[in-house]
Every structure is written in C-alpha cells, then in structure tokens.
Amino acid sequence: MACVTGALLGAAHGAEALPVDLVSRHEPAWVLDTLARDLNAGPS
C-alpha cells in the first residue's frame, strides 16, 4: 500500500517534490532518481 501511495504522489507532484535527503539515504538512489525523472518526462 505504501509503495502504491508513494508512486501516485510522485507521479502527481513530480520528482522535485521528493526530499533529497530522504532519497539519498537509499543505496540505489540513482535508480530512484532515474525512475522519477523518466516518470516525470512522460512517454517518449
């Protein structure tokens, strides 16, 4: 449930809404950053 909620909030508010200090704590932070940017960019 938390993953879906986070995904929906991220999609609604964009990657810039994610707190940098929280995202950077995750080991695969670059993966999260890439996914967030791809989602924010929309279909290519």
N, C-alpha and C. Protein backbone atom coordinates (compact mmCIF):
# COMPACT_ATOMS: atom_id res chain seq x y z
N MET A 1 0.83 -1.18 0.00
CA MET A 1 0.00 0.00 0.00
C MET A 1 0.88 1.26 0.00
N ALA A 2 1.94 1.24 0.78
CA ALA A 2 2.81 2.41 0.86
C ALA A 2 3.52 2.66 -0.47
N CYS A 3 3.91 1.60 -1.15
CA CYS A 3 4.60 1.77 -2.44
C CYS A 3 3.68 2.40 -3.47
N VAL A 4 2.45 1.94 -3.51
CA VAL A 4 1.48 2.49 -4.47
C VAL A 4 1.20 3.95 -4.14
N THR A 5 1.02 4.25 -2.87
CA THR A 5 0.77 5.63 -2.45
C THR A 5 1.93 6.53 -2.83
N GLY A 6 3.14 6.07 -2.56
CA GLY A 6 4.32 6.85 -2.92
C GLY A 6 4.45 7.06 -4.41
N ALA A 7 4.13 6.03 -5.19
CA ALA A 7 4.20 6.14 -6.64
C ALA A 7 3.18 7.15 -7.16
N LEU A 8 1.97 7.10 -6.62
CA LEU A 8 0.93 8.04 -7.06
C LEU A 8 1.28 9.48 -6.68
N LEU A 9 1.78 9.66 -5.47
CA LEU A 9 2.16 11.01 -5.05
C LEU A 9 3.33 11.53 -5.89
N GLY A 10 4.28 10.65 -6.17
CA GLY A 10 5.41 11.05 -7.01
C GLY A 10 4.97 11.42 -8.42
N ALA A 11 4.04 10.64 -8.96
CA ALA A 11 3.54 10.94 -10.30
C ALA A 11 2.76 12.24 -10.33
N ALA A 12 2.02 12.50 -9.27
CA ALA A 12 1.19 13.71 -9.22
C ALA A 12 2.01 14.97 -9.00
N HIS A 13 3.08 14.86 -8.22
CA HIS A 13 3.83 16.06 -7.83
C HIS A 13 5.20 16.18 -8.48
N GLY A 14 5.66 15.16 -9.17
CA GLY A 14 6.94 15.21 -9.87
C GLY A 14 8.13 14.87 -8.98
N ALA A 15 9.24 14.64 -9.62
CA ALA A 15 10.46 14.22 -8.93
C ALA A 15 10.99 15.30 -7.98
N GLU A 16 10.73 16.55 -8.29
CA GLU A 16 11.24 17.64 -7.45
C GLU A 16 10.59 17.66 -6.07
N ALA A 17 9.44 17.02 -5.92
CA ALA A 17 8.74 17.00 -4.64
C ALA A 17 9.37 16.02 -3.65
N LEU A 18 10.22 15.12 -4.15
CA LEU A 18 10.85 14.14 -3.25
C LEU A 18 11.96 14.83 -2.47
N PRO A 19 11.98 14.64 -1.13
CA PRO A 19 13.05 15.24 -0.33
C PRO A 19 14.40 14.61 -0.67
N VAL A 20 15.36 15.43 -1.03
CA VAL A 20 16.67 14.94 -1.45
C VAL A 20 17.35 14.14 -0.35
N ASP A 21 17.28 14.59 0.90
CA ASP A 21 17.94 13.87 1.98
C ASP A 21 17.34 12.49 2.20
N LEU A 22 16.04 12.34 1.98
CA LEU A 22 15.39 11.04 2.14
C LEU A 22 15.77 10.10 1.01
N VAL A 23 15.75 10.61 -0.21
CA VAL A 23 16.08 9.78 -1.38
C VAL A 23 17.54 9.37 -1.34
N SER A 24 18.42 10.25 -0.92
CA SER A 24 19.86 9.95 -0.93
C SER A 24 20.25 8.90 0.10
N ARG A 25 19.39 8.59 1.06
CA ARG A 25 19.68 7.55 2.05
C ARG A 25 19.59 6.15 1.47
N HIS A 26 18.85 6.02 0.38
CA HIS A 26 18.68 4.71 -0.23
C HIS A 26 19.92 4.34 -1.03
N GLU A 27 20.33 3.11 -0.90
CA GLU A 27 21.53 2.66 -1.60
C GLU A 27 21.40 2.83 -3.11
N PRO A 28 20.28 2.39 -3.70
CA PRO A 28 20.15 2.59 -5.15
C PRO A 28 19.50 3.94 -5.48
N ALA A 29 19.99 5.01 -4.87
CA ALA A 29 19.38 6.33 -5.07
C ALA A 29 19.39 6.73 -6.54
N TRP A 30 20.42 6.35 -7.28
CA TRP A 30 20.48 6.71 -8.70
C TRP A 30 19.36 6.04 -9.48
N VAL A 31 18.96 4.83 -9.06
CA VAL A 31 17.86 4.14 -9.74
C VAL A 31 16.56 4.88 -9.47
N LEU A 32 16.33 5.27 -8.22
CA LEU A 32 15.13 6.01 -7.87
C LEU A 32 15.09 7.34 -8.62
N ASP A 33 16.21 8.00 -8.71
CA ASP A 33 16.28 9.28 -9.41
C ASP A 33 15.96 9.11 -10.89
N THR A 34 16.52 8.09 -11.50
CA THR A 34 16.27 7.84 -12.91
C THR A 34 14.81 7.50 -13.17
N LEU A 35 14.23 6.65 -12.33
CA LEU A 35 12.83 6.30 -12.48
C LEU A 35 11.92 7.51 -12.30
N ALA A 36 12.22 8.32 -11.31
CA ALA A 36 11.40 9.52 -11.07
C ALA A 36 11.48 10.48 -12.25
N ARG A 37 12.67 10.66 -12.79
CA ARG A 37 12.82 11.56 -13.95
C ARG A 37 12.11 11.00 -15.18
N ASP A 38 12.19 9.68 -15.38
CA ASP A 38 11.51 9.07 -16.51
C ASP A 38 10.00 9.20 -16.37
N LEU A 39 9.49 8.99 -15.17
CA LEU A 39 8.06 9.12 -14.94
C LEU A 39 7.61 10.56 -15.16
N ASN A 40 8.43 11.50 -14.71
CA ASN A 40 8.09 12.90 -14.85
C ASN A 40 8.14 13.36 -16.31
N ALA A 41 9.02 12.75 -17.10
CA ALA A 41 9.17 13.14 -18.51
C ALA A 41 8.02 12.64 -19.37
N GLY A 42 7.36 11.59 -18.94
CA GLY A 42 6.25 11.05 -19.73
C GLY A 42 6.74 10.14 -20.83
N PRO A 43 5.82 9.71 -21.69
CA PRO A 43 6.19 8.80 -22.77
C PRO A 43 7.09 9.48 -23.78
N SER A 44 8.02 8.68 -24.31
CA SER A 44 8.95 9.27 -25.29
C SER A 44 8.57 8.92 -26.70
